[in-house]
Amino acid sequence: MRLSCIIPAYNEAARIGAVLDVAVGHPLIHEVIVVDDGSTDDTARVAARAGVRLVQMPQNGGKARALAAGTALAAGDWLMFLDSDLIGLTRDDLTRLIEPVLTEKAHTAISLRRNAPVLWRWIGLDYISGERVMPKAMLAAHLPQLDHLPRFGVEVFLNALWISTARRLAVVRWDGVVSPSKSSKHGLLQGITGDLGMVRDILQTVGIKTAAQQILRLMRQRVRVCPPDLGA
């Protein structure tokens, strides 16, 4: 079974290289697709390396559209979505996220990073995490819908797919991985604006009541999985 890793990126030249160092050449990943979402910095240049299939969007259209473009080109039976700004990511982290799905212990998997909001770490689920593994067939028929989602509505849209198919979910803790805040990348004002925009897009996609229901349903779908023997 082949797995395609799709990395959407917008103005992440300073950070995407470290993510690619980990993903490219990973023994469980068949291909790495970077979708440069109309970046105005050197993201495309940094991503244009051996082992990467680079897709350049003509203009910035948002994460949902970037993931749809990458999924449409993916040759794998399974998809892994990775954010392009992760810090501290290792090959072992990827293995632990992929392994429960490829060994059929779970149907889907999602990360729980070290700097996820306190509430998400307390309940053991970051329901809007950008790091996920899922069967391509689960999403392939819905790609036209992704093109019409708000920029940051894709995670809750994926949640709805997972819930509707009653999939077993593995939550994988990434205690050494962080995702930098928008404020640290873009400055305080632009960061706050970006965070508010993300919340707006989530609520525009599913609404606050449905978002709460998603959290409860996904928590019920969690399965306990033992980590793979990475030293074997």
Protein backbone atom coordinates (compact mmCIF):
# COMPACT_ATOMS: atom_id res chain seq x y z
CA MET A 1 0.00 0.00 0.00
CA ARG A 2 1.44 3.35 -1.06
CA LEU A 3 1.23 6.55 0.96
CA SER A 4 1.37 10.07 -0.46
CA CYS A 5 2.50 12.91 1.82
CA ILE A 6 0.92 16.25 0.90
CA ILE A 7 2.36 19.46 2.34
CA PRO A 8 0.50 22.72 1.65
CA ALA A 9 2.73 25.76 2.05
CA TYR A 10 2.31 29.52 1.95
CA ASN A 11 5.36 31.72 2.59
CA GLU A 12 7.15 29.04 4.62
CA ALA A 13 10.62 29.24 3.05
CA ALA A 14 12.22 29.55 6.50
CA ARG A 15 10.61 26.38 7.87
CA ILE A 16 9.57 23.96 5.14
CA GLY A 17 13.10 22.69 4.53
CA ALA A 18 13.25 21.03 7.95
CA VAL A 19 9.91 19.29 7.33
CA LEU A 20 11.10 18.03 3.94
CA ASP A 21 14.33 16.74 5.49
CA VAL A 22 12.17 14.38 7.55
CA ALA A 23 9.51 13.44 4.98
CA VAL A 24 11.60 12.90 1.85
CA GLY A 25 13.09 9.43 1.83
CA HIS A 26 10.97 8.15 4.72
CA PRO A 27 10.58 4.38 4.17
CA LEU A 28 6.79 4.46 4.61
CA ILE A 29 6.19 7.41 2.26
CA HIS A 30 5.90 6.68 -1.46
CA GLU A 31 5.87 10.31 -2.62
CA VAL A 32 6.02 13.85 -1.24
CA ILE A 33 3.88 16.52 -2.87
CA VAL A 34 4.38 20.16 -1.89
CA VAL A 35 1.63 22.54 -2.94
CA ASP A 36 3.00 26.08 -2.96
CA ASP A 37 -0.14 28.16 -2.45
CA GLY A 38 0.92 31.29 -4.30
CA SER A 39 3.84 32.14 -2.00
CA THR A 40 5.62 35.46 -2.44
CA ASP A 41 8.85 34.29 -0.77
CA ASP A 42 11.29 31.47 -1.68
CA THR A 43 9.04 28.59 -0.60
CA ALA A 44 8.95 27.09 -4.10
CA ARG A 45 12.72 27.34 -4.49
CA VAL A 46 13.35 25.62 -1.15
CA ALA A 47 10.82 22.88 -1.95
CA ALA A 48 12.20 22.21 -5.44
CA ARG A 49 14.50 19.38 -4.41
CA ALA A 50 14.98 15.76 -5.37
CA GLY A 51 12.18 13.55 -4.09
CA VAL A 52 9.57 16.34 -4.09
CA ARG A 53 6.77 16.86 -6.59
CA LEU A 54 6.18 20.59 -6.53
CA VAL A 55 2.81 22.06 -7.47
CA GLN A 56 2.58 25.86 -7.76
CA MET A 57 -0.85 27.41 -7.45
CA PRO A 58 -1.32 30.55 -9.59
CA GLN A 59 -2.52 32.53 -6.57
CA ASN A 60 -3.12 32.06 -2.86
CA GLY A 61 -6.41 30.21 -2.50
CA GLY A 62 -6.21 28.76 1.00
CA LYS A 63 -5.33 25.46 2.59
CA ALA A 64 -8.45 23.55 1.48
CA ARG A 65 -7.78 24.25 -2.20
CA ALA A 66 -4.10 23.40 -1.82
CA LEU A 67 -4.93 20.04 -0.25
CA ALA A 68 -7.48 19.33 -2.97
CA ALA A 69 -4.86 20.02 -5.65
CA GLY A 70 -2.34 17.74 -3.96
CA THR A 71 -4.85 14.96 -3.40
CA ALA A 72 -5.94 15.03 -7.04
CA LEU A 73 -2.35 14.26 -8.07
CA ALA A 74 -1.55 11.74 -5.34
CA ALA A 75 -0.70 8.22 -6.48
CA GLY A 76 -0.94 6.66 -3.03
CA ASP A 77 -3.75 4.59 -1.53
CA TRP A 78 -3.27 6.55 1.70
CA LEU A 79 -2.78 10.25 2.32
CA MET A 80 -0.69 12.00 4.94
CA PHE A 81 -1.24 15.72 5.40
CA LEU A 82 1.56 17.71 7.04
CA ASP A 83 1.77 21.39 7.90
CA SER A 84 4.85 23.03 6.44
CA ASP A 85 5.97 24.97 9.53
CA LEU A 86 6.49 22.18 12.07
CA ILE A 87 9.47 22.48 14.40
CA GLY A 88 11.12 19.47 16.03
CA LEU A 89 9.58 16.89 13.67
CA THR A 90 11.44 13.58 13.34
CA ARG A 91 11.14 10.48 11.16
CA ASP A 92 9.99 8.55 14.20
CA ASP A 93 7.10 11.00 14.63
CA LEU A 94 5.97 10.26 11.08
CA THR A 95 6.32 6.52 11.61
CA ARG A 96 4.17 6.64 14.74
CA LEU A 97 1.46 8.59 12.90
CA ILE A 98 1.46 6.32 9.84
CA GLU A 99 1.84 2.91 11.49
CA PRO A 100 -1.61 2.55 13.14
CA VAL A 101 -3.34 3.12 9.78
CA LEU A 102 -1.07 1.01 7.58
CA THR A 103 -1.33 -1.90 10.04
CA GLU A 104 -5.14 -1.48 10.22
CA LYS A 105 -5.19 -0.81 13.95
CA ALA A 106 -7.07 2.38 13.10
CA HIS A 107 -8.72 3.81 10.00
CA THR A 108 -7.40 7.32 10.53
CA ALA A 109 -4.73 9.02 12.63
CA ILE A 110 -4.19 12.56 13.91
CA SER A 111 -1.36 14.28 15.77
CA LEU A 112 -1.42 15.97 19.16
CA ARG A 113 1.51 18.39 19.25
CA ARG A 114 3.35 19.63 22.33
CA ASN A 115 2.03 23.17 21.96
CA ALA A 116 -1.55 22.29 21.12
CA PRO A 117 -3.99 24.36 23.22
CA VAL A 118 -4.16 23.25 26.86
CA LEU A 119 -7.76 22.09 26.50
CA TRP A 120 -6.90 19.85 23.54
CA ARG A 121 -3.99 18.29 25.44
CA TRP A 122 -6.20 17.80 28.49
CA ILE A 123 -8.89 15.93 26.55
CA GLY A 124 -6.30 14.14 24.41
CA LEU A 125 -7.53 15.39 21.03
CA ASP A 126 -6.61 18.32 18.78
CA TYR A 127 -9.59 18.16 16.47
CA ILE A 128 -8.20 20.81 14.11
CA SER A 129 -4.70 19.35 13.82
CA GLY A 130 -3.21 19.62 10.35
CA GLU A 131 -1.27 16.36 10.61
CA ARG A 132 -3.44 13.42 9.55
CA VAL A 133 -3.37 10.03 7.84
CA MET A 134 -6.42 8.67 6.04
CA PRO A 135 -7.42 6.52 3.05
CA LYS A 136 -7.42 8.47 -0.20
CA ALA A 137 -10.72 6.86 -1.21
CA MET A 138 -12.44 8.53 1.75
CA LEU A 139 -11.66 11.99 0.37
CA ALA A 140 -11.35 11.52 -3.39
CA ALA A 141 -15.06 11.90 -4.13
CA HIS A 142 -15.27 15.15 -2.15
CA LEU A 143 -12.50 17.18 -3.80
CA PRO A 144 -14.90 19.59 -5.55
CA GLN A 145 -16.32 20.48 -2.13
CA LEU A 146 -12.86 21.42 -0.86
CA ASP A 147 -12.62 24.08 -3.53
CA HIS A 148 -15.62 25.85 -2.00
CA LEU A 149 -14.59 25.69 1.66
CA PRO A 150 -13.36 28.73 3.60
CA ARG A 151 -9.59 28.92 3.79
CA PHE A 152 -9.32 27.18 7.16
CA GLY A 153 -12.41 25.01 7.01
CA VAL A 154 -10.72 21.83 5.80
CA GLU A 155 -9.97 20.19 9.16
CA VAL A 156 -13.55 20.30 10.40
CA PHE A 157 -14.70 19.13 6.97
CA LEU A 158 -12.41 16.10 7.31
CA ASN A 159 -13.75 15.50 10.80
CA ALA A 160 -17.26 15.26 9.38
CA LEU A 161 -16.09 12.65 6.85
CA TRP A 162 -14.39 10.62 9.55
CA ILE A 163 -17.45 10.75 11.81
CA SER A 164 -19.91 9.83 9.05
CA THR A 165 -17.99 6.65 8.30
CA ALA A 166 -17.56 5.68 11.99
CA ARG A 167 -13.80 5.36 11.60
CA ARG A 168 -11.48 4.20 14.36
CA LEU A 169 -9.16 7.09 15.20
CA ALA A 170 -5.63 6.90 16.55
CA VAL A 171 -4.42 10.04 18.37
CA VAL A 172 -0.61 10.16 18.30
CA ARG A 173 1.14 12.44 20.76
CA TRP A 174 4.04 14.40 19.30
CA ASP A 175 5.63 15.64 22.51
CA GLY A 176 8.66 17.07 20.73
CA VAL A 177 6.84 18.86 17.92
CA VAL A 178 5.50 22.40 17.93
CA SER A 179 3.74 24.57 15.38
CA PRO A 180 4.74 28.24 15.66
CA SER A 181 1.96 30.69 16.35
CA LYS A 182 0.83 33.06 13.65
CA SER A 183 1.97 35.97 15.84
CA SER A 184 5.52 34.62 16.04
CA LYS A 185 5.64 34.32 12.26
CA HIS A 186 3.79 37.44 11.15
CA GLY A 187 3.73 39.82 14.09
CA LEU A 188 1.16 40.35 16.83
CA LEU A 189 -1.54 42.21 14.89
CA GLN A 190 -1.42 40.02 11.80
CA GLY A 191 -1.24 36.93 13.99
CA ILE A 192 -4.38 37.88 15.93
CA THR A 193 -6.15 38.65 12.67
CA GLY A 194 -5.13 35.27 11.29
CA ASP A 195 -6.32 33.40 14.39
CA LEU A 196 -9.67 35.18 14.31
CA GLY A 197 -9.99 34.36 10.63
CA MET A 198 -9.34 30.69 11.32
CA VAL A 199 -12.06 30.62 14.00
CA ARG A 200 -14.44 32.40 11.61
CA ASP A 201 -13.77 29.86 8.86
CA ILE A 202 -14.32 26.92 11.22
CA LEU A 203 -17.63 28.29 12.44
CA GLN A 204 -18.67 29.20 8.91
CA THR A 205 -18.02 25.59 7.86
CA VAL A 206 -19.75 23.70 10.69
CA GLY A 207 -21.02 26.11 13.35
CA ILE A 208 -20.14 26.15 17.05
CA LYS A 209 -22.65 23.45 18.06
CA THR A 210 -21.45 21.05 15.38
CA ALA A 211 -17.82 21.76 16.27
CA ALA A 212 -18.51 20.73 19.86
CA GLN A 213 -20.35 17.62 18.67
CA GLN A 214 -17.39 16.72 16.46
CA ILE A 215 -15.06 16.78 19.42
CA LEU A 216 -17.28 14.43 21.41
CA ARG A 217 -17.80 12.04 18.50
CA LEU A 218 -14.11 11.88 17.65
CA MET A 219 -13.23 11.23 21.28
CA ARG A 220 -15.57 8.23 21.20
CA GLN A 221 -13.89 6.95 18.04
CA ARG A 222 -10.42 6.93 19.57
CA VAL A 223 -8.66 3.60 19.86
CA ARG A 224 -5.64 2.86 21.98
CA VAL A 225 -2.65 1.76 19.93
CA CYS A 226 0.79 0.67 21.07
CA PRO A 227 3.65 2.63 19.50
CA PRO A 228 5.71 0.71 16.92
CA ASP A 229 9.08 -0.75 17.93
CA LEU A 230 11.19 1.91 16.28
CA GLY A 231 14.40 0.17 17.23
CA ALA A 232 13.53 -3.07 15.43
